[in-house]
Amino acid sequence: MTQYVLRRLVQMVPTFLGITVLTFAIAHLAPGDPLQLDPESARSLSVRAVRPDEPLPVQYLRWLGRVATFDFGRSLHDQRPVIEKLAEALPRTMSIAFLALLVAYGLAIPLGVYQAARPRSLVSRALGGLLFVAYSVPSFWVAVMLLLFFTGGRGLAWFPFEGLHSKDAGELGWGAWLLDTAWHLVLPVACLAYATLAVVSRQVRASMLEALTQDYVRAARARGIGRRSILFRHALRNSLLPVITMLSFSLPYLIGGSIVVERVFGIPGMGSLAFDAIGTRDYPVVMAVATLSALVTMFAVLGADLLYAVADPRIRLGGAR
């Protein structure tokens, strides 16, 4: 296992270098000039800082050397260190993404198992149609509808309109603070989780239906093993590999999808940071967000590969015996 992880980490280096080359090239060759911003922002920028008198390959090597020490430079917009802005925004985005992932998978697996166990029932067909519609609806429309009908716009004032905390949250005890935060997170997490829930549940259903037709399931039934045990101990466990594959891409997808959710619900996370940086041509922030997202994606894929061995003991990573 250790040798496999080390080998995979070494293999990730060329991929990471390729991503940094593309990120750097796109950021520097894109149209627009930070010096053409509003006068107050432009006065705080140095022409040499924006347009160094060095070839692009030399600039890239200097930037890559700083990235290796997590030094992403300073923002062109407010001259703050980029790492400080990332440290403020990343925990908010990761919290929402992980909660959305837990909600999506926590509901999708039972729903998929139920649909596979009773594929012709009315409830199963209704769930399938509802999940198909949910996957087809764009997230920005869902976010606006949630705000309209559940924050007091035209419906029920059950949840706050924006932000992660109430104005007086700093004066609350830790228990009340957690409840206040959870209250603010309900709508953003729901908006971010519903599409993943629809996809994963359909994948679980398809994998379970295939597993239930296998010979080992027929043999288990012939031995008199109960239906619940067949579903969860035999069929479900062997249906998890495609779900784990989807897990490796779900987290990066949720982090990317947070741009819409954070803008609509007024959450100052990575999505809002990237959106504002693109609008102000703040290239150091844009490159830092893209690089960090690439790292998250690569480690998520590595984590999924390691989970394969947990889900199926027959798998030996790296050919280990």
C-alpha atoms as a PDB file:
ATOM      1  CA  MET A   1       0.000   0.000   0.000  1.00  0.00           C
ATOM      2  CA  THR A   2       2.759   2.464   0.945  1.00  0.00           C
ATOM      3  CA  GLN A   3       4.676   1.779  -2.260  1.00  0.00           C
ATOM      4  CA  TYR A   4       1.509   2.270  -4.297  1.00  0.00           C
ATOM      5  CA  VAL A   5       0.776   5.635  -2.645  1.00  0.00           C
ATOM      6  CA  LEU A   6       4.352   6.836  -3.178  1.00  0.00           C
ATOM      7  CA  ARG A   7       4.243   5.750  -6.828  1.00  0.00           C
ATOM      8  CA  ARG A   8       0.958   7.561  -7.373  1.00  0.00           C
ATOM      9  CA  LEU A   9       2.324  10.723  -5.747  1.00  0.00           C
ATOM     10  CA  VAL A  10       5.298  10.646  -8.111  1.00  0.00           C
ATOM     11  CA  GLN A  11       2.965  10.132 -11.081  1.00  0.00           C
ATOM     12  CA  MET A  12       0.948  13.158 -10.014  1.00  0.00           C
ATOM     13  CA  VAL A  13       3.934  15.485 -10.465  1.00  0.00           C
ATOM     14  CA  PRO A  14       3.866  15.616 -14.319  1.00  0.00           C
ATOM     15  CA  THR A  15       0.089  16.076 -14.243  1.00  0.00           C
ATOM     16  CA  PHE A  16       0.411  18.935 -11.769  1.00  0.00           C
ATOM     17  CA  LEU A  17       3.153  20.585 -13.842  1.00  0.00           C
ATOM     18  CA  GLY A  18       0.992  20.356 -16.955  1.00  0.00           C
ATOM     19  CA  ILE A  19      -1.916  21.961 -15.139  1.00  0.00           C
ATOM     20  CA  THR A  20       0.268  24.797 -13.855  1.00  0.00           C
ATOM     21  CA  VAL A  21       1.602  25.450 -17.375  1.00  0.00           C
ATOM     22  CA  LEU A  22      -1.941  25.697 -18.765  1.00  0.00           C
ATOM     23  CA  THR A  23      -3.128  27.844 -15.865  1.00  0.00           C
ATOM     24  CA  PHE A  24      -0.194  30.238 -16.189  1.00  0.00           C
ATOM     25  CA  ALA A  25      -0.505  30.485 -19.979  1.00  0.00           C
ATOM     26  CA  ILE A  26      -4.262  31.078 -19.984  1.00  0.00           C
ATOM     27  CA  ALA A  27      -4.002  33.716 -17.245  1.00  0.00           C
ATOM     28  CA  HIS A  28      -1.246  35.650 -19.029  1.00  0.00           C
ATOM     29  CA  LEU A  29      -2.553  35.315 -22.576  1.00  0.00           C
ATOM     30  CA  ALA A  30      -6.170  36.154 -21.752  1.00  0.00           C
ATOM     31  CA  PRO A  31      -7.447  39.551 -22.954  1.00  0.00           C
ATOM     32  CA  GLY A  32      -7.774  42.378 -20.460  1.00  0.00           C
ATOM     33  CA  ASP A  33      -5.383  44.449 -18.406  1.00  0.00           C
ATOM     34  CA  PRO A  34      -5.412  44.950 -14.609  1.00  0.00           C
ATOM     35  CA  LEU A  35      -4.176  48.511 -15.186  1.00  0.00           C
ATOM     36  CA  GLN A  36      -7.490  49.326 -16.883  1.00  0.00           C
ATOM     37  CA  LEU A  37      -9.411  48.883 -13.635  1.00  0.00           C
ATOM     38  CA  ASP A  38     -11.060  51.668 -11.699  1.00  0.00           C
ATOM     39  CA  PRO A  39      -8.649  54.528 -10.819  1.00  0.00           C
ATOM     40  CA  GLU A  40      -8.390  53.697  -7.111  1.00  0.00           C
ATOM     41  CA  SER A  41      -7.357  50.093  -7.801  1.00  0.00           C
ATOM     42  CA  ALA A  42      -5.051  51.032 -10.684  1.00  0.00           C
ATOM     43  CA  ARG A  43      -3.095  53.536  -8.562  1.00  0.00           C
ATOM     44  CA  SER A  44      -2.185  50.787  -6.111  1.00  0.00           C
ATOM     45  CA  LEU A  45      -0.688  48.576  -8.853  1.00  0.00           C
ATOM     46  CA  SER A  46       2.871  48.623 -10.081  1.00  0.00           C
ATOM     47  CA  VAL A  47       3.382  48.392 -13.838  1.00  0.00           C
ATOM     48  CA  ARG A  48       6.372  46.131 -13.266  1.00  0.00           C
ATOM     49  CA  ALA A  49       4.312  43.891 -10.973  1.00  0.00           C
ATOM     50  CA  VAL A  50       1.676  43.465 -13.672  1.00  0.00           C
ATOM     51  CA  ARG A  51       4.000  43.357 -16.689  1.00  0.00           C
ATOM     52  CA  PRO A  52       7.439  42.046 -15.618  1.00  0.00           C
ATOM     53  CA  ASP A  53      10.277  42.629 -18.092  1.00  0.00           C
ATOM     54  CA  GLU A  54      10.987  38.896 -18.331  1.00  0.00           C
ATOM     55  CA  PRO A  55      10.074  36.185 -20.843  1.00  0.00           C
ATOM     56  CA  LEU A  56       7.020  34.104 -19.959  1.00  0.00           C
ATOM     57  CA  PRO A  57       9.049  30.916 -19.326  1.00  0.00           C
ATOM     58  CA  VAL A  58      11.151  32.737 -16.731  1.00  0.00           C
ATOM     59  CA  GLN A  59       8.039  34.195 -15.110  1.00  0.00           C
ATOM     60  CA  TYR A  60       6.492  30.725 -14.999  1.00  0.00           C
ATOM     61  CA  LEU A  61       9.544  29.179 -13.338  1.00  0.00           C
ATOM     62  CA  ARG A  62       9.621  31.938 -10.726  1.00  0.00           C
ATOM     63  CA  TRP A  63       5.914  31.517 -10.043  1.00  0.00           C
ATOM     64  CA  LEU A  64       6.233  27.722  -9.849  1.00  0.00           C
ATOM     65  CA  GLY A  65       9.057  28.049  -7.338  1.00  0.00           C
ATOM     66  CA  ARG A  66       6.860  30.231  -5.132  1.00  0.00           C
ATOM     67  CA  VAL A  67       3.896  27.875  -5.513  1.00  0.00           C
ATOM     68  CA  ALA A  68       6.057  25.006  -4.200  1.00  0.00           C
ATOM     69  CA  THR A  69       6.210  26.922  -0.897  1.00  0.00           C
ATOM     70  CA  PHE A  70       2.517  27.946  -1.094  1.00  0.00           C
ATOM     71  CA  ASP A  71       3.484  31.531  -1.857  1.00  0.00           C
ATOM     72  CA  PHE A  72       0.987  32.680  -4.492  1.00  0.00           C
ATOM     73  CA  GLY A  73       2.083  36.296  -4.385  1.00  0.00           C
ATOM     74  CA  ARG A  74      -0.106  39.300  -3.659  1.00  0.00           C
ATOM     75  CA  SER A  75      -3.510  40.179  -5.009  1.00  0.00           C
ATOM     76  CA  LEU A  76      -3.452  42.865  -7.692  1.00  0.00           C
ATOM     77  CA  HIS A  77      -6.750  44.193  -6.371  1.00  0.00           C
ATOM     78  CA  ASP A  78      -5.990  44.929  -2.712  1.00  0.00           C
ATOM     79  CA  GLN A  79      -2.307  43.909  -2.335  1.00  0.00           C
ATOM     80  CA  ARG A  80      -3.163  41.289   0.287  1.00  0.00           C
ATOM     81  CA  PRO A  81      -1.217  37.993   0.223  1.00  0.00           C
ATOM     82  CA  VAL A  82      -3.195  35.522  -1.865  1.00  0.00           C
ATOM     83  CA  ILE A  83      -2.626  32.751   0.666  1.00  0.00           C
ATOM     84  CA  GLU A  84      -4.483  34.819   3.297  1.00  0.00           C
ATOM     85  CA  LYS A  85      -7.485  35.206   1.010  1.00  0.00           C
ATOM     86  CA  LEU A  86      -7.431  31.473   0.260  1.00  0.00           C
ATOM     87  CA  ALA A  87      -7.179  30.643   3.965  1.00  0.00           C
ATOM     88  CA  GLU A  88     -10.324  32.699   4.599  1.00  0.00           C
ATOM     89  CA  ALA A  89     -12.357  31.370   1.667  1.00  0.00           C
ATOM     90  CA  LEU A  90     -11.304  27.699   1.466  1.00  0.00           C
ATOM     91  CA  PRO A  91     -12.767  26.499   4.810  1.00  0.00           C
ATOM     92  CA  ARG A  92     -16.181  27.934   3.913  1.00  0.00           C
ATOM     93  CA  THR A  93     -16.258  26.283   0.503  1.00  0.00           C
ATOM     94  CA  MET A  94     -14.909  22.960   1.765  1.00  0.00           C
ATOM     95  CA  SER A  95     -17.462  22.902   4.592  1.00  0.00           C
ATOM     96  CA  ILE A  96     -20.353  23.407   2.180  1.00  0.00           C
ATOM     97  CA  ALA A  97     -18.911  20.907  -0.324  1.00  0.00           C
ATOM     98  CA  PHE A  98     -18.346  18.176   2.290  1.00  0.00           C
ATOM     99  CA  LEU A  99     -21.803  18.662   3.783  1.00  0.00           C
ATOM    100  CA  ALA A 100     -23.351  18.511   0.311  1.00  0.00           C
ATOM    101  CA  LEU A 101     -21.342  15.342  -0.387  1.00  0.00           C
ATOM    102  CA  LEU A 102     -22.532  13.705   2.854  1.00  0.00           C
ATOM    103  CA  VAL A 103     -26.146  14.664   2.182  1.00  0.00           C
ATOM    104  CA  ALA A 104     -26.024  13.522  -1.446  1.00  0.00           C
ATOM    105  CA  TYR A 105     -24.425  10.137  -0.788  1.00  0.00           C
ATOM    106  CA  GLY A 106     -26.267   9.609   2.484  1.00  0.00           C
ATOM    107  CA  LEU A 107     -29.587   9.864   0.658  1.00  0.00           C
ATOM    108  CA  ALA A 108     -28.573   8.511  -2.752  1.00  0.00           C
ATOM    109  CA  ILE A 109     -27.400   5.069  -1.601  1.00  0.00           C
ATOM    110  CA  PRO A 110     -30.604   4.173   0.325  1.00  0.00           C
ATOM    111  CA  LEU A 111     -32.750   5.557  -2.491  1.00  0.00           C
ATOM    112  CA  GLY A 112     -30.820   3.578  -5.104  1.00  0.00           C
ATOM    113  CA  VAL A 113     -31.090   0.384  -3.051  1.00  0.00           C
ATOM    114  CA  TYR A 114     -34.829   0.894  -2.588  1.00  0.00           C
ATOM    115  CA  GLN A 115     -35.378   1.456  -6.307  1.00  0.00           C
ATOM    116  CA  ALA A 116     -33.383  -1.666  -7.154  1.00  0.00           C
ATOM    117  CA  ALA A 117     -35.192  -3.772  -4.554  1.00  0.00           C
ATOM    118  CA  ARG A 118     -38.634  -2.679  -5.835  1.00  0.00           C
ATOM    119  CA  PRO A 119     -38.046  -1.619  -9.453  1.00  0.00           C
ATOM    120  CA  ARG A 120     -41.702  -1.897 -10.537  1.00  0.00           C
ATOM    121  CA  SER A 121     -43.341  -0.226  -7.566  1.00  0.00           C
ATOM    122  CA  LEU A 122     -45.144   3.076  -7.984  1.00  0.00           C
ATOM    123  CA  VAL A 123     -42.913   4.778  -5.418  1.00  0.00           C
ATOM    124  CA  SER A 124     -39.757   3.617  -7.202  1.00  0.00           C
ATOM    125  CA  ARG A 125     -40.986   4.908 -10.554  1.00  0.00           C
ATOM    126  CA  ALA A 126     -42.008   8.224  -9.020  1.00  0.00           C
ATOM    127  CA  LEU A 127     -38.578   8.578  -7.393  1.00  0.00           C
ATOM    128  CA  GLY A 128     -36.878   7.812 -10.700  1.00  0.00           C
ATOM    129  CA  GLY A 129     -38.881  10.465 -12.521  1.00  0.00           C
ATOM    130  CA  LEU A 130     -38.333  13.029  -9.768  1.00  0.00           C
ATOM    131  CA  LEU A 131     -34.579  12.441  -9.703  1.00  0.00           C
ATOM    132  CA  PHE A 132     -34.387  12.683 -13.490  1.00  0.00           C
ATOM    133  CA  VAL A 133     -36.160  16.047 -13.387  1.00  0.00           C
ATOM    134  CA  ALA A 134     -33.910  17.222 -10.536  1.00  0.00           C
ATOM    135  CA  TYR A 135     -30.786  16.442 -12.537  1.00  0.00           C
ATOM    136  CA  SER A 136     -32.169  18.346 -15.533  1.00  0.00           C
ATOM    137  CA  VAL A 137     -32.853  21.573 -13.625  1.00  0.00           C
ATOM    138  CA  PRO A 138     -29.957  24.107 -13.565  1.00  0.00           C
ATOM    139  CA  SER A 139     -28.556  24.992 -10.150  1.00  0.00           C
ATOM    140  CA  PHE A 140     -28.912  28.763 -10.556  1.00  0.00           C
ATOM    141  CA  TRP A 141     -32.667  28.376 -11.134  1.00  0.00           C
ATOM    142  CA  VAL A 142     -33.005  26.116  -8.097  1.00  0.00           C
ATOM    143  CA  ALA A 143     -31.049  28.625  -5.986  1.00  0.00           C
ATOM    144  CA  VAL A 144     -33.307  31.506  -7.040  1.00  0.00           C
ATOM    145  CA  MET A 145     -36.452  29.428  -6.383  1.00  0.00           C
ATOM    146  CA  LEU A 146     -35.214  28.471  -2.928  1.00  0.00           C
ATOM    147  CA  LEU A 147     -34.564  32.107  -2.106  1.00  0.00           C
ATOM    148  CA  LEU A 148     -37.925  33.143  -3.495  1.00  0.00           C
ATOM    149  CA  PHE A 149     -40.063  30.598  -1.662  1.00  0.00           C
ATOM    150  CA  PHE A 150     -38.158  29.897   1.572  1.00  0.00           C
ATOM    151  CA  THR A 151     -36.637  33.228   2.624  1.00  0.00           C
ATOM    152  CA  GLY A 152     -39.763  35.349   2.726  1.00  0.00           C
ATOM    153  CA  GLY A 153     -39.815  36.627  -0.855  1.00  0.00           C
ATOM    154  CA  ARG A 154     -43.131  35.081  -1.943  1.00  0.00           C
ATOM    155  CA  GLY A 155     -43.390  32.155   0.387  1.00  0.00           C
ATOM    156  CA  LEU A 156     -42.258  31.010   3.806  1.00  0.00           C
ATOM    157  CA  ALA A 157     -39.612  32.913   5.760  1.00  0.00           C
ATOM    158  CA  TRP A 158     -37.977  29.762   7.121  1.00  0.00           C
ATOM    159  CA  PHE A 159     -34.337  30.460   6.294  1.00  0.00           C
ATOM    160  CA  PRO A 160     -32.029  33.502   6.102  1.00  0.00           C
ATOM    161  CA  PHE A 161     -31.515  35.257   2.801  1.00  0.00           C
ATOM    162  CA  GLU A 162     -27.706  35.229   2.635  1.00  0.00           C
ATOM    163  CA  GLY A 163     -24.474  34.693   4.523  1.00  0.00           C
ATOM    164  CA  LEU A 164     -23.220  32.013   6.885  1.00  0.00           C
ATOM    165  CA  HIS A 165     -24.041  33.670  10.196  1.00  0.00           C
ATOM    166  CA  SER A 166     -26.470  36.128  11.708  1.00  0.00           C
ATOM    167  CA  LYS A 167     -25.261  39.629  12.594  1.00  0.00           C
ATOM    168  CA  ASP A 168     -25.086  38.841  16.317  1.00  0.00           C
ATOM    169  CA  ALA A 169     -23.563  35.359  15.867  1.00  0.00           C
ATOM    170  CA  GLY A 170     -20.333  36.423  17.573  1.00  0.00           C
ATOM    171  CA  GLU A 171     -22.198  36.975  20.840  1.00  0.00           C
ATOM    172  CA  LEU A 172     -23.767  33.510  20.870  1.00  0.00           C
ATOM    173  CA  GLY A 173     -22.526  30.466  22.737  1.00  0.00           C
ATOM    174  CA  TRP A 174     -20.916  27.669  20.763  1.00  0.00           C
ATOM    175  CA  GLY A 175     -24.089  25.568  20.687  1.00  0.00           C
ATOM    176  CA  ALA A 176     -26.274  28.451  19.514  1.00  0.00           C
ATOM    177  CA  TRP A 177     -23.540  29.446  17.046  1.00  0.00           C
ATOM    178  CA  LEU A 178     -23.542  25.963  15.508  1.00  0.00           C
ATOM    179  CA  LEU A 179     -27.331  26.010  15.217  1.00  0.00           C
ATOM    180  CA  ASP A 180     -27.205  29.438  13.593  1.00  0.00           C
ATOM    181  CA  THR A 181     -24.580  28.250  11.101  1.00  0.00           C
ATOM    182  CA  ALA A 182     -26.572  25.097  10.296  1.00  0.00           C
ATOM    183  CA  TRP A 183     -29.684  27.221   9.772  1.00  0.00           C
ATOM    184  CA  HIS A 184     -27.806  29.351   7.230  1.00  0.00           C
ATOM    185  CA  LEU A 185     -26.350  26.284   5.470  1.00  0.00           C
ATOM    186  CA  VAL A 186     -29.599  24.428   4.763  1.00  0.00           C
ATOM    187  CA  LEU A 187     -30.436  26.097   1.454  1.00  0.00           C
ATOM    188  CA  PRO A 188     -26.872  26.313   0.029  1.00  0.00           C
ATOM    189  CA  VAL A 189     -26.169  22.662   0.855  1.00  0.00           C
ATOM    190  CA  ALA A 190     -29.506  21.553  -0.615  1.00  0.00           C
ATOM    191  CA  CYS A 191     -28.857  23.542  -3.796  1.00  0.00           C
ATOM    192  CA  LEU A 192     -25.376  22.065  -4.157  1.00  0.00           C
ATOM    193  CA  ALA A 193     -26.315  18.466  -3.303  1.00  0.00           C
ATOM    194  CA  TYR A 194     -29.429  17.752  -5.371  1.00  0.00           C
ATOM    195  CA  ALA A 195     -27.692  17.102  -8.724  1.00  0.00           C
ATOM    196  CA  THR A 196     -25.124  14.752  -7.174  1.00  0.00           C
ATOM    197  CA  LEU A 197     -27.930  13.002  -5.313  1.00  0.00           C
ATOM    198  CA  ALA A 198     -29.793  12.377  -8.585  1.00  0.00           C
ATOM    199  CA  VAL A 199     -26.750  11.026 -10.438  1.00  0.00           C
ATOM    200  CA  VAL A 200     -25.449   8.808  -7.637  1.00  0.00           C
ATOM    201  CA  SER A 201     -28.851   7.310  -6.832  1.00  0.00           C
ATOM    202  CA  ARG A 202     -29.366   6.324 -10.478  1.00  0.00           C
ATOM    203  CA  GLN A 203     -25.889   4.792 -10.555  1.00  0.00           C
ATOM    204  CA  VAL A 204     -26.558   2.820  -7.364  1.00  0.00           C
ATOM    205  CA  ARG A 205     -29.850   1.588  -8.785  1.00  0.00           C
ATOM    206  CA  ALA A 206     -28.240   0.439 -12.041  1.00  0.00           C
ATOM    207  CA  SER A 207     -25.333  -1.271 -10.261  1.00  0.00           C
ATOM    208  CA  MET A 208     -27.659  -2.979  -7.790  1.00  0.00           C
ATOM    209  CA  LEU A 209     -29.955  -4.272 -10.535  1.00  0.00           C
ATOM    210  CA  GLU A 210     -26.945  -5.762 -12.306  1.00  0.00           C
ATOM    211  CA  ALA A 211     -25.572  -7.276  -9.087  1.00  0.00           C
ATOM    212  CA  LEU A 212     -28.906  -8.886  -8.196  1.00  0.00           C
ATOM    213  CA  THR A 213     -28.779 -10.940 -11.400  1.00  0.00           C
ATOM    214  CA  GLN A 214     -25.346 -12.420 -10.656  1.00  0.00           C
ATOM    215  CA  ASP A 215     -24.761 -16.064  -9.754  1.00  0.00           C
ATOM    216  CA  TYR A 216     -23.491 -15.333  -6.237  1.00  0.00           C
ATOM    217  CA  VAL A 217     -26.814 -13.651  -5.406  1.00  0.00           C
ATOM    218  CA  ARG A 218     -28.742 -16.648  -6.722  1.00  0.00           C
ATOM    219  CA  ALA A 219     -26.520 -18.916  -4.633  1.00  0.00           C
ATOM    220  CA  ALA A 220     -27.156 -16.803  -1.537  1.00  0.00           C
ATOM    221  CA  ARG A 221     -30.893 -17.043  -2.098  1.00  0.00           C
ATOM    222  CA  ALA A 222     -30.616 -20.812  -2.555  1.00  0.00           C
ATOM    223  CA  ARG A 223     -28.838 -21.058   0.806  1.00  0.00           C
ATOM    224  CA  GLY A 224     -31.767 -19.317   2.462  1.00  0.00           C
ATOM    225  CA  ILE A 225     -30.010 -16.021   3.247  1.00  0.00           C
ATOM    226  CA  GLY A 226     -32.479 -13.240   4.063  1.00  0.00           C
ATOM    227  CA  ARG A 227     -33.430 -10.528   1.589  1.00  0.00           C
ATOM    228  CA  ARG A 228     -31.944  -7.710   3.683  1.00  0.00           C
ATOM    229  CA  SER A 229     -28.617  -9.523   3.988  1.00  0.00           C
ATOM    230  CA  ILE A 230     -28.522 -10.191   0.239  1.00  0.00           C
ATOM    231  CA  LEU A 231     -29.204  -6.543  -0.543  1.00  0.00           C
ATOM    232  CA  PHE A 232     -26.733  -4.920   1.839  1.00  0.00           C
ATOM    233  CA  ARG A 233     -24.014  -7.522   2.491  1.00  0.00           C
ATOM    234  CA  HIS A 234     -23.722  -8.982  -0.999  1.00  0.00           C
ATOM    235  CA  ALA A 235     -25.243  -6.865  -3.764  1.00  0.00           C
ATOM    236  CA  LEU A 236     -24.555  -3.401  -2.332  1.00  0.00           C
ATOM    237  CA  ARG A 237     -20.938  -4.058  -1.474  1.00  0.00           C
ATOM    238  CA  ASN A 238     -20.216  -5.269  -4.984  1.00  0.00           C
ATOM    239  CA  SER A 239     -22.065  -2.269  -6.436  1.00  0.00           C
ATOM    240  CA  LEU A 240     -19.950   0.339  -4.670  1.00  0.00           C
ATOM    241  CA  LEU A 241     -16.996   0.453  -7.067  1.00  0.00           C
ATOM    242  CA  PRO A 242     -18.753   2.637  -9.692  1.00  0.00           C
ATOM    243  CA  VAL A 243     -20.045   4.828  -6.855  1.00  0.00           C
ATOM    244  CA  ILE A 244     -16.520   5.253  -5.498  1.00  0.00           C
ATOM    245  CA  THR A 245     -15.373   6.260  -8.981  1.00  0.00           C
ATOM    246  CA  MET A 246     -18.042   8.959  -8.991  1.00  0.00           C
ATOM    247  CA  LEU A 247     -16.939  10.049  -5.510  1.00  0.00           C
ATOM    248  CA  SER A 248     -13.492  10.973  -6.834  1.00  0.00           C
ATOM    249  CA  PHE A 249     -15.075  13.524  -9.172  1.00  0.00           C
ATOM    250  CA  SER A 250     -17.991  14.619  -7.001  1.00  0.00           C
ATOM    251  CA  LEU A 251     -15.911  16.707  -4.595  1.00  0.00           C
ATOM    252  CA  PRO A 252     -14.170  18.762  -7.345  1.00  0.00           C
ATOM    253  CA  TYR A 253     -17.558  19.123  -9.071  1.00  0.00           C
ATOM    254  CA  LEU A 254     -19.118  20.453  -5.877  1.00  0.00           C
ATOM    255  CA  ILE A 255     -16.255  22.885  -5.322  1.00  0.00           C
ATOM    256  CA  GLY A 256     -16.637  24.147  -8.891  1.00  0.00           C
ATOM    257  CA  GLY A 257     -20.405  24.376  -8.532  1.00  0.00           C
ATOM    258  CA  SER A 258     -19.989  26.502  -5.435  1.00  0.00           C
ATOM    259  CA  ILE A 259     -19.399  29.541  -7.680  1.00  0.00           C
ATOM    260  CA  VAL A 260     -23.125  29.800  -8.437  1.00  0.00           C
ATOM    261  CA  VAL A 261     -24.262  28.860  -4.939  1.00  0.00           C
ATOM    262  CA  GLU A 262     -21.904  31.263  -3.178  1.00  0.00           C
ATOM    263  CA  ARG A 263     -22.823  34.163  -5.438  1.00  0.00           C
ATOM    264  CA  VAL A 264     -26.546  33.620  -5.047  1.00  0.00           C
ATOM    265  CA  PHE A 265     -26.481  33.077  -1.281  1.00  0.00           C
ATOM    266  CA  GLY A 266     -23.824  35.719  -0.543  1.00  0.00           C
ATOM    267  CA  ILE A 267     -21.205  33.344   0.882  1.00  0.00           C
ATOM    268  CA  PRO A 268     -17.593  34.626   0.691  1.00  0.00           C
ATOM    269  CA  GLY A 269     -15.972  31.336  -0.328  1.00  0.00           C
ATOM    270  CA  MET A 270     -13.686  30.122  -3.104  1.00  0.00           C
ATOM    271  CA  GLY A 271     -16.390  30.478  -5.735  1.00  0.00           C
ATOM    272  CA  SER A 272     -17.027  34.129  -4.947  1.00  0.00           C
ATOM    273  CA  LEU A 273     -13.280  34.750  -4.678  1.00  0.00           C
ATOM    274  CA  ALA A 274     -12.650  33.265  -8.134  1.00  0.00           C
ATOM    275  CA  PHE A 275     -15.603  35.108  -9.687  1.00  0.00           C
ATOM    276  CA  ASP A 276     -14.442  38.475  -8.349  1.00  0.00           C
ATOM    277  CA  ALA A 277     -10.822  37.780  -9.329  1.00  0.00           C
ATOM    278  CA  ILE A 278     -11.791  37.008 -12.925  1.00  0.00           C
ATOM    279  CA  GLY A 279     -13.870  40.179 -13.114  1.00  0.00           C
ATOM    280  CA  THR A 280     -11.007  42.358 -11.814  1.00  0.00           C
ATOM    281  CA  ARG A 281      -8.248  40.564 -13.797  1.00  0.00           C
ATOM    282  CA  ASP A 282      -6.621  39.559 -10.506  1.00  0.00           C
ATOM    283  CA  TYR A 283      -4.381  36.939 -12.095  1.00  0.00           C
ATOM    284  CA  PRO A 284      -2.484  35.776  -8.970  1.00  0.00           C
ATOM    285  CA  VAL A 285      -5.786  34.872  -7.291  1.00  0.00           C
ATOM    286  CA  VAL A 286      -7.145  33.192 -10.428  1.00  0.00           C
ATOM    287  CA  MET A 287      -4.011  31.055 -10.796  1.00  0.00           C
ATOM    288  CA  ALA A 288      -4.008  30.173  -7.102  1.00  0.00           C
ATOM    289  CA  VAL A 289      -7.643  29.032  -7.157  1.00  0.00           C
ATOM    290  CA  ALA A 290      -7.109  26.964 -10.319  1.00  0.00           C
ATOM    291  CA  THR A 291      -3.949  25.355  -8.915  1.00  0.00           C
ATOM    292  CA  LEU A 292      -5.583  24.533  -5.602  1.00  0.00           C
ATOM    293  CA  SER A 293      -8.627  23.046  -7.356  1.00  0.00           C
ATOM    294  CA  ALA A 294      -6.317  20.836  -9.426  1.00  0.00           C
ATOM    295  CA  LEU A 295      -4.616  19.553  -6.270  1.00  0.00           C
ATOM    296  CA  VAL A 296      -7.978  18.758  -4.683  1.00  0.00           C
ATOM    297  CA  THR A 297      -9.036  16.829  -7.801  1.00  0.00           C
ATOM    298  CA  MET A 298      -5.842  14.767  -7.941  1.00  0.00           C
ATOM    299  CA  PHE A 299      -5.958  13.834  -4.268  1.00  0.00           C
ATOM    300  CA  ALA A 300      -9.655  12.986  -4.561  1.00  0.00           C
ATOM    301  CA  VAL A 301      -8.841  10.524  -7.359  1.00  0.00           C
ATOM    302  CA  LEU A 302      -6.057   9.021  -5.233  1.00  0.00           C
ATOM    303  CA  GLY A 303      -8.436   8.674  -2.293  1.00  0.00           C
ATOM    304  CA  ALA A 304     -10.977   6.888  -4.503  1.00  0.00           C
ATOM    305  CA  ASP A 305      -8.322   4.403  -5.629  1.00  0.00           C
ATOM    306  CA  LEU A 306      -7.501   3.631  -2.006  1.00  0.00           C
ATOM    307  CA  LEU A 307     -11.182   3.135  -1.199  1.00  0.00           C
ATOM    308  CA  TYR A 308     -11.405   0.454  -3.891  1.00  0.00           C
ATOM    309  CA  ALA A 309      -9.384  -1.902  -1.713  1.00  0.00           C
ATOM    310  CA  VAL A 310     -11.649  -1.184   1.259  1.00  0.00           C
ATOM    311  CA  ALA A 311     -14.832  -1.837  -0.722  1.00  0.00           C
ATOM    312  CA  ASP A 312     -13.510  -4.983  -2.424  1.00  0.00           C
ATOM    313  CA  PRO A 313     -10.732  -6.976  -0.659  1.00  0.00           C
ATOM    314  CA  ARG A 314     -10.082  -8.835  -3.906  1.00  0.00           C
ATOM    315  CA  ILE A 315      -8.448  -5.696  -5.302  1.00  0.00           C
ATOM    316  CA  ARG A 316      -4.721  -5.435  -4.655  1.00  0.00           C
ATOM    317  CA  LEU A 317      -3.291  -1.999  -5.265  1.00  0.00           C
ATOM    318  CA  GLY A 318      -0.163  -1.923  -7.311  1.00  0.00           C
ATOM    319  CA  GLY A 319      -0.163  -5.683  -7.802  1.00  0.00           C
ATOM    320  CA  ALA A 320       0.585  -6.355  -4.123  1.00  0.00           C
ATOM    321  CA  ARG A 321      -0.012  -9.879  -2.875  1.00  0.00           C
END
